[in-house]
Amino acid sequence: MNTKNSTEVAIGGKLFTLCGYEDEEYLQRVASYLNNKLNEYSKIESFLRQDSDTQSILIQLNIADDYFKAKKQIDKLEEDLKSKEKELYDLKHELVTAQIKLENAVQNNMK
């Protein structure tokens, strides 16, 4: 069974204790991702004029957008992989068929 880890991280200048079964490095990367999003948006004047609830929703929407784009890319890569695996299977089948034909031809020539 995995051990539950906890680590302190700074997100938006505040300290939080994150707990999870992932390693500390992963939890730090999650916090770093959030800090990068906060820094990215803190440079946008129109974002800064919004109240904190709206800012929070906008960042959440952006993170959800990142997730769905990454998911779409993964789905496409998995589809491409399946296609390549089928192509490889078909090529192996063709190779075996060609080898059998060659063996049969060689045997017929020896007769």
Protein backbone atom coordinates (compact mmCIF):
# COMPACT_ATOMS: atom_id res chain seq x y z
CA MET A 1 0.00 0.00 0.00
CA ASN A 2 1.27 3.48 -0.83
CA THR A 3 2.22 5.80 1.97
CA LYS A 4 0.39 9.09 2.26
CA ASN A 5 2.77 12.02 1.92
CA SER A 6 2.37 15.59 3.05
CA THR A 7 4.43 18.61 2.17
CA GLU A 8 4.22 22.33 2.69
CA VAL A 9 3.90 24.44 -0.42
CA ALA A 10 3.51 28.14 -1.09
CA ILE A 11 0.68 29.04 -3.45
CA GLY A 12 -0.05 32.67 -4.11
CA GLY A 13 2.14 33.68 -1.21
CA LYS A 14 0.24 31.52 1.30
CA LEU A 15 1.49 28.30 2.89
CA PHE A 16 -0.55 25.15 2.45
CA THR A 17 0.00 21.56 3.48
CA LEU A 18 -0.77 19.23 0.59
CA CYS A 19 -1.41 15.57 1.34
CA GLY A 20 -1.59 12.73 -1.11
CA TYR A 21 -0.17 9.41 -2.18
CA GLU A 22 2.03 11.09 -4.77
CA ASP A 23 5.63 11.92 -3.92
CA GLU A 24 6.68 15.31 -2.59
CA GLU A 25 8.19 16.33 -5.94
CA TYR A 26 4.83 15.82 -7.65
CA LEU A 27 3.00 17.86 -5.00
CA GLN A 28 5.55 20.66 -5.44
CA ARG A 29 5.04 20.55 -9.24
CA VAL A 30 1.28 20.94 -8.73
CA ALA A 31 1.87 23.98 -6.53
CA SER A 32 4.34 25.36 -9.08
CA TYR A 33 1.76 24.95 -11.85
CA LEU A 34 -0.78 26.93 -9.81
CA ASN A 35 1.77 29.63 -9.01
CA ASN A 36 2.60 29.94 -12.71
CA LYS A 37 -1.09 30.42 -13.51
CA LEU A 38 -1.42 33.03 -10.76
CA ASN A 39 1.68 34.86 -12.02
CA GLU A 40 0.45 34.71 -15.61
CA TYR A 41 -2.88 36.27 -14.70
CA SER A 42 -1.44 38.80 -12.26
CA LYS A 43 0.09 40.57 -15.28
CA ILE A 44 -3.30 41.12 -16.95
CA GLU A 45 -4.81 44.43 -15.93
CA SER A 46 -8.40 43.46 -16.75
CA PHE A 47 -8.02 40.34 -14.59
CA LEU A 48 -6.77 42.39 -11.65
CA ARG A 49 -9.86 44.63 -11.82
CA GLN A 50 -12.13 41.63 -11.12
CA ASP A 51 -13.21 40.66 -7.63
CA SER A 52 -11.46 37.67 -6.05
CA ASP A 53 -14.35 35.26 -6.73
CA THR A 54 -14.31 36.13 -10.44
CA GLN A 55 -10.51 35.85 -10.52
CA SER A 56 -10.75 32.41 -8.95
CA ILE A 57 -13.36 31.25 -11.49
CA LEU A 58 -11.29 32.60 -14.41
CA ILE A 59 -8.20 30.71 -13.22
CA GLN A 60 -10.27 27.56 -12.69
CA LEU A 61 -11.67 27.89 -16.22
CA ASN A 62 -8.16 28.28 -17.60
CA ILE A 63 -6.95 25.20 -15.73
CA ALA A 64 -9.98 23.23 -16.98
CA ASP A 65 -9.15 24.41 -20.50
CA ASP A 66 -5.57 23.16 -20.08
CA TYR A 67 -6.92 19.82 -18.86
CA PHE A 68 -9.34 19.34 -21.77
CA LYS A 69 -6.69 20.31 -24.34
CA ALA A 70 -4.23 17.85 -22.80
CA LYS A 71 -6.93 15.15 -22.67
CA LYS A 72 -7.78 15.75 -26.34
CA GLN A 73 -4.10 15.45 -27.25
CA ILE A 74 -3.77 12.21 -25.25
CA ASP A 75 -6.90 10.79 -26.91
CA LYS A 76 -5.47 11.62 -30.34
CA LEU A 77 -2.11 10.05 -29.48
CA GLU A 78 -3.86 6.90 -28.20
CA GLU A 79 -5.90 6.74 -31.41
CA ASP A 80 -2.72 7.15 -33.47
CA LEU A 81 -1.05 4.40 -31.42
CA LYS A 82 -3.95 2.01 -32.04
CA SER A 83 -3.76 2.77 -35.75
CA LYS A 84 0.00 2.14 -35.80
CA GLU A 85 -0.44 -1.10 -33.83
CA LYS A 86 -3.04 -2.30 -36.38
CA GLU A 87 -0.74 -1.32 -39.24
CA LEU A 88 2.13 -3.22 -37.59
CA TYR A 89 -0.08 -6.27 -37.09
CA ASP A 90 -1.14 -6.16 -40.76
CA LEU A 91 2.48 -5.84 -41.90
CA LYS A 92 3.54 -8.79 -39.74
CA HIS A 93 0.69 -10.82 -41.22
CA GLU A 94 1.81 -9.87 -44.75
CA LEU A 95 5.38 -10.85 -43.89
CA VAL A 96 4.33 -14.26 -42.59
CA THR A 97 2.18 -14.82 -45.68
CA ALA A 98 5.10 -13.84 -47.95
CA GLN A 99 7.46 -16.15 -46.05
CA ILE A 100 5.04 -19.07 -46.46
CA LYS A 101 4.70 -18.37 -50.19
CA LEU A 102 8.49 -18.18 -50.53
CA GLU A 103 8.96 -21.48 -48.69
CA ASN A 104 6.33 -23.11 -50.87
CA ALA A 105 7.99 -21.74 -54.02
CA VAL A 106 11.40 -22.97 -52.91
CA GLN A 107 9.97 -26.45 -52.15
CA ASN A 108 8.20 -26.57 -55.56
CA ASN A 109 11.45 -25.63 -57.33
CA MET A 110 13.31 -28.44 -55.54
CA LYS A 111 10.87 -31.06 -56.83
